[in-house]
Amino acid sequence: MSKDNAKCTTPVIYIQQNIKFETVITNNVCKIGPLKALLSQFRIRTPIFYLNSCVRSCQIAMRWERGPIARFRLICELEDNIEPVFQKIIIKINSFMICDTFTLKTERPEYFEWATCILPTDIKDSDSFEIHFTMEHSIPIIKRNTMNSSIKITPKKFELYERLKTMYYDKPCPDVKINVGYKEFLAHKSILSRSPVFAAMFSHEMLENRENTVEIKEVDPNVFEILLKFLYLGEVDEIKVTDSKNDLLFELMKVADIYQMEDLKTKLAYIATTTINISNVVNHLILADKYNILDLKKSTMLFIQKNHAKVKDTKSYENMIQKCPTLMREILCLSKE
C-alpha cells in the first residue's frame, strides 16, 4: 500500500472474550530399558519433542522404583493457559500390554503431578518397555474469518499478527522504497526477505540494497500490492474466482513464481481448487500445468473427467484442444484408466 493510503484502513480490534479453547491430542511412543538400569537412575527424561506450535518444547520425566512402580511427569515450556496432561499411558513388554491405568489415582493427574503406574510383580530386571503416551492440552484460539478461509491463531501469534498489521498499514520506519508502475510502496527489507529473490537482493551489494530503492517493471501495481500484503500478513483476501477468466489469479500466480514464494502459490492453488466450476476448470488446469502445481492439476483433471460432457462445450476447452495437445493427451489417458 502506498504511503498516501497507509492511514485509510483501520485495523480490526479483537478482544479477549473472543478467545475459545480447543483440545489437542498428541501421541508419543518411548522405548526404554532394561528395568535394572532404570532402577539405578534417580530420574531420566525423554528427548525433547513438540506437542504443537503452542508448546515450544516438551519432555517426559520418569522415575522407576522397586515395587515395581513407574512414575511419569510432563515438563514443558508453555505459553499462557496451556496445561498438558496425560490422558492415557500404556506400558508394553514384547508388544503385550502390562499396564494401562493410573492405579494410584481415581482421576487423571493434573499438570506438574506425577502419573503413577504399578507394574506386575513378575517383571524381570532384564525386561525393556515400550510406553505409549497420550497427552491432551487446551489451545486458546482466536478465529479470524477472511474472504477465502477461516484462520485460527493463538493469542501470542495474534499479538505478532497485530504488530505486523501495524507495520503493513502504517509503515513505521520503512527502509526501502518500491516503484511499481505508477505506484510507490514503502516497505521493510526484513519483511520482503521472506521472498528468496528479495532476500538475495538485500543480502549483497546490489544497487537496490545500496540506494534502498527497487524498480519493478511489467508487474501490475494492484497485483504487487496483494503480494506485499501477503508478505506481511499471509493473507489473500482480494481473489474472487467466479468466472472462466480470472486475470488476477493468473497474474498473482505469475508474480509469486517470479519471487519464488511457494507459500503464496500454495494459497492461490487452494483458492483455485475450492472454486472449480464448469467455466473455469480448463483455465485452472492450464495454470496448474504451467506452474507445476500437482494437487490443483489432479483436481482439475478429475473434475473434467467427471463433467466432460459439459466442459467439452466450453470455448476454453476448444482452445485447449488446439493450443495444449499434451494436456489433452493426459486427460484422455486419465479417462481410459
Protein backbone atom coordinates (compact mmCIF):
# COMPACT_ATOMS: atom_id res chain seq x y z
CA MET A 1 0.00 0.00 0.00
CA SER A 2 1.32 3.40 -0.87
CA LYS A 3 2.25 5.91 1.79
CA ASP A 4 -0.67 8.21 0.90
CA ASN A 5 -3.20 5.47 1.55
CA ALA A 6 -1.47 3.92 4.54
CA LYS A 7 -3.81 5.56 7.07
CA CYS A 8 -7.05 4.74 5.24
CA THR A 9 -7.67 1.31 6.72
CA THR A 10 -8.31 0.87 10.42
CA PRO A 11 -7.14 -2.48 11.82
CA VAL A 12 -9.86 -4.64 13.36
CA ILE A 13 -9.53 -4.88 17.14
CA TYR A 14 -10.13 -8.27 18.76
CA ILE A 15 -10.99 -8.58 22.45
CA GLN A 16 -10.01 -11.24 24.95
CA GLN A 17 -13.59 -12.53 25.30
CA ASN A 18 -13.48 -13.81 21.73
CA ILE A 19 -10.89 -16.44 22.63
CA LYS A 20 -12.13 -20.03 22.69
CA PHE A 21 -10.30 -23.19 23.72
CA GLU A 22 -9.74 -26.28 21.62
CA THR A 23 -8.39 -29.63 22.81
CA VAL A 24 -5.40 -31.17 21.05
CA ILE A 25 -4.33 -34.82 21.41
CA THR A 26 -0.69 -35.85 20.94
CA ASN A 27 0.70 -39.40 20.95
CA ASN A 28 4.29 -40.32 21.75
CA VAL A 29 6.00 -43.71 21.90
CA CYS A 30 9.11 -44.30 24.02
CA LYS A 31 11.25 -47.46 24.08
CA ILE A 32 13.33 -47.83 27.22
CA GLY A 33 15.07 -50.42 29.40
CA PRO A 34 16.22 -52.68 30.88
CA LEU A 35 14.44 -52.35 34.23
CA LYS A 36 17.67 -52.89 36.22
CA ALA A 37 19.27 -49.86 34.56
CA LEU A 38 16.13 -47.77 35.05
CA LEU A 39 16.04 -48.52 38.77
CA SER A 40 19.64 -47.32 39.11
CA GLN A 41 18.74 -43.85 37.83
CA PHE A 42 17.05 -41.35 40.15
CA ARG A 43 15.28 -39.67 37.24
CA ILE A 44 15.54 -39.81 33.45
CA ARG A 45 13.97 -37.76 30.67
CA THR A 46 12.90 -38.46 27.13
CA PRO A 47 14.38 -36.44 24.25
CA ILE A 48 12.65 -33.12 23.58
CA PHE A 49 9.54 -33.25 21.40
CA TYR A 50 6.81 -30.77 20.48
CA LEU A 51 3.10 -31.03 21.24
CA ASN A 52 2.25 -28.38 18.64
CA SER A 53 3.11 -24.79 17.74
CA CYS A 54 1.89 -23.54 21.12
CA VAL A 55 4.31 -25.63 23.19
CA ARG A 56 7.92 -24.75 22.45
CA SER A 57 9.38 -27.96 23.86
CA CYS A 58 8.28 -30.88 25.97
CA GLN A 59 9.89 -33.80 27.77
CA ILE A 60 8.59 -36.68 29.87
CA ALA A 61 10.39 -37.23 33.16
CA MET A 62 10.45 -40.81 34.53
CA ARG A 63 11.14 -42.37 37.91
CA TRP A 64 11.35 -46.14 38.28
CA GLU A 65 11.11 -47.62 41.79
CA ARG A 66 11.13 -51.05 43.35
CA GLY A 67 7.65 -52.49 43.53
CA PRO A 68 7.93 -52.10 40.65
CA ILE A 69 6.42 -48.64 40.20
CA ALA A 70 6.79 -46.25 37.24
CA ARG A 71 6.10 -42.53 37.61
CA PHE A 72 5.79 -40.08 34.73
CA ARG A 73 5.55 -36.31 34.57
CA LEU A 74 5.32 -33.74 31.77
CA ILE A 75 7.90 -30.94 31.68
CA CYS A 76 7.08 -28.23 29.14
CA GLU A 77 7.91 -24.69 28.17
CA LEU A 78 4.43 -23.26 27.93
CA GLU A 79 2.54 -20.30 26.72
CA ASP A 80 -0.34 -18.98 28.81
CA ASN A 81 -3.40 -21.15 29.55
CA ILE A 82 -1.91 -24.39 28.18
CA GLU A 83 -1.78 -27.23 30.70
CA PRO A 84 -0.98 -30.58 29.06
CA VAL A 85 -1.94 -33.70 30.98
CA PHE A 86 -1.63 -37.42 30.41
CA GLN A 87 -4.84 -38.83 29.03
CA LYS A 88 -3.55 -42.39 28.97
CA ILE A 89 -0.31 -44.33 29.39
CA ILE A 90 0.09 -47.86 28.02
CA ILE A 91 3.16 -49.88 29.01
CA LYS A 92 4.07 -52.94 26.94
CA ILE A 93 6.66 -55.71 27.05
CA ASN A 94 7.22 -57.57 23.78
CA SER A 95 4.02 -56.00 22.35
CA PHE A 96 1.93 -57.27 25.30
CA MET A 97 0.21 -54.62 27.40
CA ILE A 98 1.05 -54.86 31.08
CA CYS A 99 -0.38 -51.59 32.37
CA ASP A 100 -2.85 -49.02 31.00
CA THR A 101 -4.19 -47.13 34.04
CA PHE A 102 -3.11 -44.73 36.75
CA THR A 103 -3.50 -47.18 39.61
CA LEU A 104 -2.87 -44.76 42.47
CA LYS A 105 -5.28 -42.06 41.27
CA THR A 106 -9.01 -42.06 40.61
CA GLU A 107 -8.63 -39.25 38.05
CA ARG A 108 -6.01 -38.31 35.52
CA PRO A 109 -3.06 -36.50 37.08
CA GLU A 110 -3.00 -32.74 36.71
CA TYR A 111 -0.17 -30.86 35.04
CA PHE A 112 3.06 -30.91 37.13
CA GLU A 113 1.84 -34.01 39.05
CA TRP A 114 3.34 -37.46 38.72
CA ALA A 115 1.28 -40.10 36.91
CA THR A 116 1.87 -43.34 38.81
CA CYS A 117 1.59 -46.85 37.38
CA ILE A 118 2.03 -50.01 39.49
CA LEU A 119 3.54 -52.74 37.33
CA PRO A 120 3.15 -56.53 37.67
CA THR A 121 5.48 -58.10 40.23
CA ASP A 122 6.76 -60.76 37.82
CA ILE A 123 8.66 -58.26 35.66
CA LYS A 124 12.33 -59.17 35.27
CA ASP A 125 15.27 -56.84 35.71
CA SER A 126 16.25 -57.59 32.10
CA ASP A 127 12.86 -56.56 30.68
CA SER A 128 12.59 -53.48 28.46
CA PHE A 129 9.45 -51.45 27.83
CA GLU A 130 7.52 -49.75 25.07
CA ILE A 131 5.50 -46.91 26.57
CA HIS A 132 2.65 -45.24 24.65
CA PHE A 133 1.80 -41.78 25.98
CA THR A 134 -1.41 -39.99 25.04
CA MET A 135 -1.42 -36.34 26.09
CA GLU A 136 -4.04 -33.65 25.77
CA HIS A 137 -4.00 -29.93 26.31
CA SER A 138 -6.07 -26.89 25.51
CA ILE A 139 -5.14 -24.22 23.00
CA PRO A 140 -6.60 -20.73 23.24
CA ILE A 141 -7.80 -19.90 19.73
CA ILE A 142 -8.89 -16.70 18.03
CA LYS A 143 -10.80 -17.28 14.80
CA ARG A 144 -10.40 -14.75 12.03
CA ASN A 145 -12.72 -15.12 9.07
CA THR A 146 -11.24 -13.89 5.81
CA MET A 147 -12.89 -13.88 2.41
CA ASN A 148 -11.39 -17.20 1.37
CA SER A 149 -10.80 -19.04 4.62
CA SER A 150 -11.08 -19.12 8.38
CA ILE A 151 -7.73 -18.67 10.12
CA LYS A 152 -7.06 -19.90 13.65
CA ILE A 153 -4.28 -18.23 15.60
CA THR A 154 -3.20 -18.33 19.22
CA PRO A 155 -3.08 -15.15 21.35
CA LYS A 156 0.72 -14.94 21.18
CA LYS A 157 0.64 -15.28 17.42
CA PHE A 158 -2.28 -12.87 17.32
CA GLU A 159 -0.16 -10.27 19.10
CA LEU A 160 2.53 -10.74 16.45
CA TYR A 161 -0.12 -10.51 13.74
CA GLU A 162 -1.36 -7.17 15.09
CA ARG A 163 2.18 -5.80 15.08
CA LEU A 164 2.74 -6.92 11.52
CA LYS A 165 -0.57 -5.37 10.52
CA THR A 166 0.59 -2.06 12.00
CA MET A 167 3.82 -2.36 10.03
CA TYR A 168 1.87 -3.05 6.84
CA TYR A 169 -0.72 -0.29 7.11
CA ASP A 170 1.23 2.44 8.93
CA LYS A 171 4.73 1.68 7.59
CA PRO A 172 6.70 2.87 10.64
CA CYS A 173 10.41 3.37 9.88
CA PRO A 174 10.42 1.94 6.34
CA ASP A 175 13.87 1.24 4.90
CA VAL A 176 13.11 0.61 1.23
CA LYS A 177 11.00 2.20 -1.50
CA ILE A 178 9.49 0.09 -4.29
CA ASN A 179 8.36 1.71 -7.52
CA VAL A 180 5.88 -0.43 -9.42
CA GLY A 181 4.47 1.33 -12.45
CA TYR A 182 2.66 4.45 -11.32
CA LYS A 183 2.63 3.44 -7.62
CA GLU A 184 5.20 3.84 -4.89
CA PHE A 185 5.28 1.42 -1.95
CA LEU A 186 7.18 1.81 1.30
CA ALA A 187 8.27 -1.40 2.97
CA HIS A 188 10.74 -3.13 5.28
CA LYS A 189 13.60 -5.21 3.92
CA SER A 190 13.25 -7.74 6.72
CA ILE A 191 9.66 -8.49 5.68
CA LEU A 192 10.37 -8.51 1.94
CA SER A 193 13.14 -11.03 2.58
CA ARG A 194 10.50 -13.70 3.06
CA SER A 195 10.88 -13.90 -0.71
CA PRO A 196 14.19 -15.58 -1.67
CA VAL A 197 14.54 -13.11 -4.53
CA PHE A 198 14.28 -10.07 -2.26
CA ALA A 199 16.45 -11.81 0.34
CA ALA A 200 19.25 -12.24 -2.21
CA MET A 201 18.80 -8.65 -3.38
CA PHE A 202 19.21 -7.23 0.13
CA SER A 203 21.99 -9.59 1.19
CA HIS A 204 24.51 -8.41 -1.39
CA GLU A 205 25.98 -5.13 -2.60
CA MET A 206 23.37 -4.65 -5.28
CA LEU A 207 22.16 -1.28 -6.48
CA GLU A 208 18.75 -1.78 -4.85
CA ASN A 209 20.36 -2.50 -1.49
CA ARG A 210 22.71 0.48 -1.64
CA GLU A 211 20.09 3.01 -2.75
CA ASN A 212 17.17 1.44 -0.84
CA THR A 213 15.04 1.66 -3.95
CA VAL A 214 13.62 -1.17 -6.05
CA GLU A 215 12.27 -0.64 -9.58
CA ILE A 216 9.80 -3.29 -10.72
CA LYS A 217 8.57 -3.31 -14.29
CA GLU A 218 5.98 -5.42 -16.09
CA VAL A 219 4.02 -6.10 -12.88
CA ASP A 220 0.62 -4.56 -12.26
CA PRO A 221 0.76 -2.32 -9.16
CA ASN A 222 -2.51 -3.78 -7.86
CA VAL A 223 -1.10 -7.29 -8.16
CA PHE A 224 2.10 -6.29 -6.36
CA GLU A 225 0.04 -4.71 -3.57
CA ILE A 226 -1.63 -8.07 -2.93
CA LEU A 227 1.75 -9.78 -2.91
CA LEU A 228 3.12 -7.17 -0.50
CA LYS A 229 0.18 -7.70 1.86
CA PHE A 230 0.81 -11.44 1.79
CA LEU A 231 4.46 -10.91 2.69
CA TYR A 232 3.39 -9.02 5.82
CA LEU A 233 0.18 -10.81 6.86
CA GLY A 234 -0.05 -14.10 4.96
CA GLU A 235 -3.48 -13.14 3.64
CA VAL A 236 -5.00 -13.18 0.17
CA ASP A 237 -8.50 -11.76 0.56
CA GLU A 238 -8.76 -10.00 -2.77
CA ILE A 239 -9.11 -13.06 -5.01
CA LYS A 240 -12.63 -13.89 -6.17
CA VAL A 241 -12.80 -16.79 -8.61
CA THR A 242 -16.24 -16.66 -10.18
CA ASP A 243 -15.79 -16.58 -13.95
CA SER A 244 -13.87 -18.51 -16.59
CA LYS A 245 -11.17 -15.88 -17.00
CA ASN A 246 -9.60 -14.70 -13.79
CA ASP A 247 -6.70 -12.46 -14.74
CA LEU A 248 -5.89 -11.53 -11.14
CA LEU A 249 -5.37 -15.15 -10.09
CA PHE A 250 -3.14 -15.80 -13.11
CA GLU A 251 -1.13 -12.61 -12.66
CA LEU A 252 -0.62 -13.16 -8.96
CA MET A 253 0.49 -16.75 -9.55
CA LYS A 254 2.96 -15.45 -12.13
CA VAL A 255 4.41 -12.88 -9.71
CA ALA A 256 4.52 -15.44 -6.88
CA ASP A 257 6.52 -17.71 -9.16
CA ILE A 258 8.91 -14.90 -10.13
CA TYR A 259 9.61 -14.08 -6.49
CA GLN A 260 9.78 -17.78 -5.51
CA MET A 261 7.01 -17.53 -2.93
CA GLU A 262 5.89 -21.13 -2.64
CA ASP A 263 3.58 -20.43 0.29
CA LEU A 264 1.65 -17.89 -1.78
CA LYS A 265 1.45 -20.32 -4.69
CA THR A 266 0.03 -22.93 -2.32
CA LYS A 267 -2.56 -20.47 -1.04
CA LEU A 268 -3.60 -19.49 -4.56
CA ALA A 269 -3.79 -23.13 -5.60
CA TYR A 270 -6.10 -23.79 -2.64
CA ILE A 271 -8.36 -20.90 -3.68
CA ALA A 272 -8.45 -22.20 -7.24
CA THR A 273 -9.16 -25.77 -6.12
CA THR A 274 -12.10 -24.79 -3.91
CA THR A 275 -13.71 -22.70 -6.66
CA ILE A 276 -13.51 -25.05 -9.64
CA ASN A 277 -16.57 -24.94 -11.90
CA ILE A 278 -17.51 -25.73 -15.49
CA SER A 279 -16.46 -22.36 -16.87
CA ASN A 280 -13.06 -22.00 -15.16
CA VAL A 281 -11.77 -25.58 -14.83
CA VAL A 282 -9.79 -25.55 -18.09
CA ASN A 283 -8.01 -22.31 -17.24
CA HIS A 284 -7.24 -23.65 -13.77
CA LEU A 285 -5.78 -26.78 -15.36
CA ILE A 286 -3.57 -24.69 -17.64
CA LEU A 287 -2.48 -22.64 -14.63
CA ALA A 288 -1.61 -25.77 -12.65
CA ASP A 289 0.31 -27.28 -15.54
CA LYS A 290 2.28 -24.09 -16.23
CA TYR A 291 3.45 -23.68 -12.62
CA ASN A 292 3.69 -27.40 -11.80
CA ILE A 293 1.03 -27.38 -9.06
CA LEU A 294 0.29 -31.09 -8.87
CA ASP A 295 -2.65 -31.09 -6.45
CA LEU A 296 -4.52 -28.45 -8.44
CA LYS A 297 -3.76 -30.25 -11.68
CA LYS A 298 -5.11 -33.52 -10.33
CA SER A 299 -8.28 -31.85 -9.03
CA THR A 300 -8.99 -30.11 -12.33
CA MET A 301 -8.40 -33.23 -14.40
CA LEU A 302 -10.70 -35.30 -12.21
CA PHE A 303 -13.35 -32.58 -12.48
CA ILE A 304 -13.06 -32.59 -16.27
CA GLN A 305 -13.30 -36.37 -16.31
CA LYS A 306 -16.50 -36.37 -14.26
CA ASN A 307 -18.09 -33.44 -16.11
CA HIS A 308 -16.66 -33.99 -19.57
CA ALA A 309 -20.00 -33.70 -21.38
CA LYS A 310 -20.44 -30.12 -20.14
CA VAL A 311 -16.82 -29.00 -20.13
CA LYS A 312 -16.17 -30.02 -23.74
CA ASP A 313 -18.76 -27.50 -24.93
CA THR A 314 -16.93 -24.52 -23.44
CA LYS A 315 -14.80 -22.18 -25.52
CA SER A 316 -11.80 -22.67 -23.24
CA TYR A 317 -11.90 -26.43 -23.87
CA GLU A 318 -11.88 -25.87 -27.64
CA ASN A 319 -8.86 -23.59 -27.26
CA MET A 320 -7.07 -26.18 -25.15
CA ILE A 321 -7.52 -28.79 -27.88
CA GLN A 322 -5.66 -26.51 -30.30
CA LYS A 323 -3.04 -24.98 -28.00
CA CYS A 324 -2.37 -27.65 -25.35
CA PRO A 325 -2.22 -31.07 -27.07
CA THR A 326 -0.10 -32.54 -24.27
CA LEU A 327 -2.75 -31.73 -21.66
CA MET A 328 -5.43 -33.22 -23.90
CA ARG A 329 -3.46 -36.46 -24.09
CA GLU A 330 -3.16 -36.55 -20.31
CA ILE A 331 -6.92 -36.08 -19.96
CA LEU A 332 -7.59 -38.88 -22.46
CA CYS A 333 -5.17 -41.20 -20.67
CA LEU A 334 -6.89 -40.47 -17.36
CA SER A 335 -10.28 -41.25 -18.91
CA LYS A 336 -9.03 -44.67 -20.01
CA GLU A 337 -7.79 -45.66 -16.54
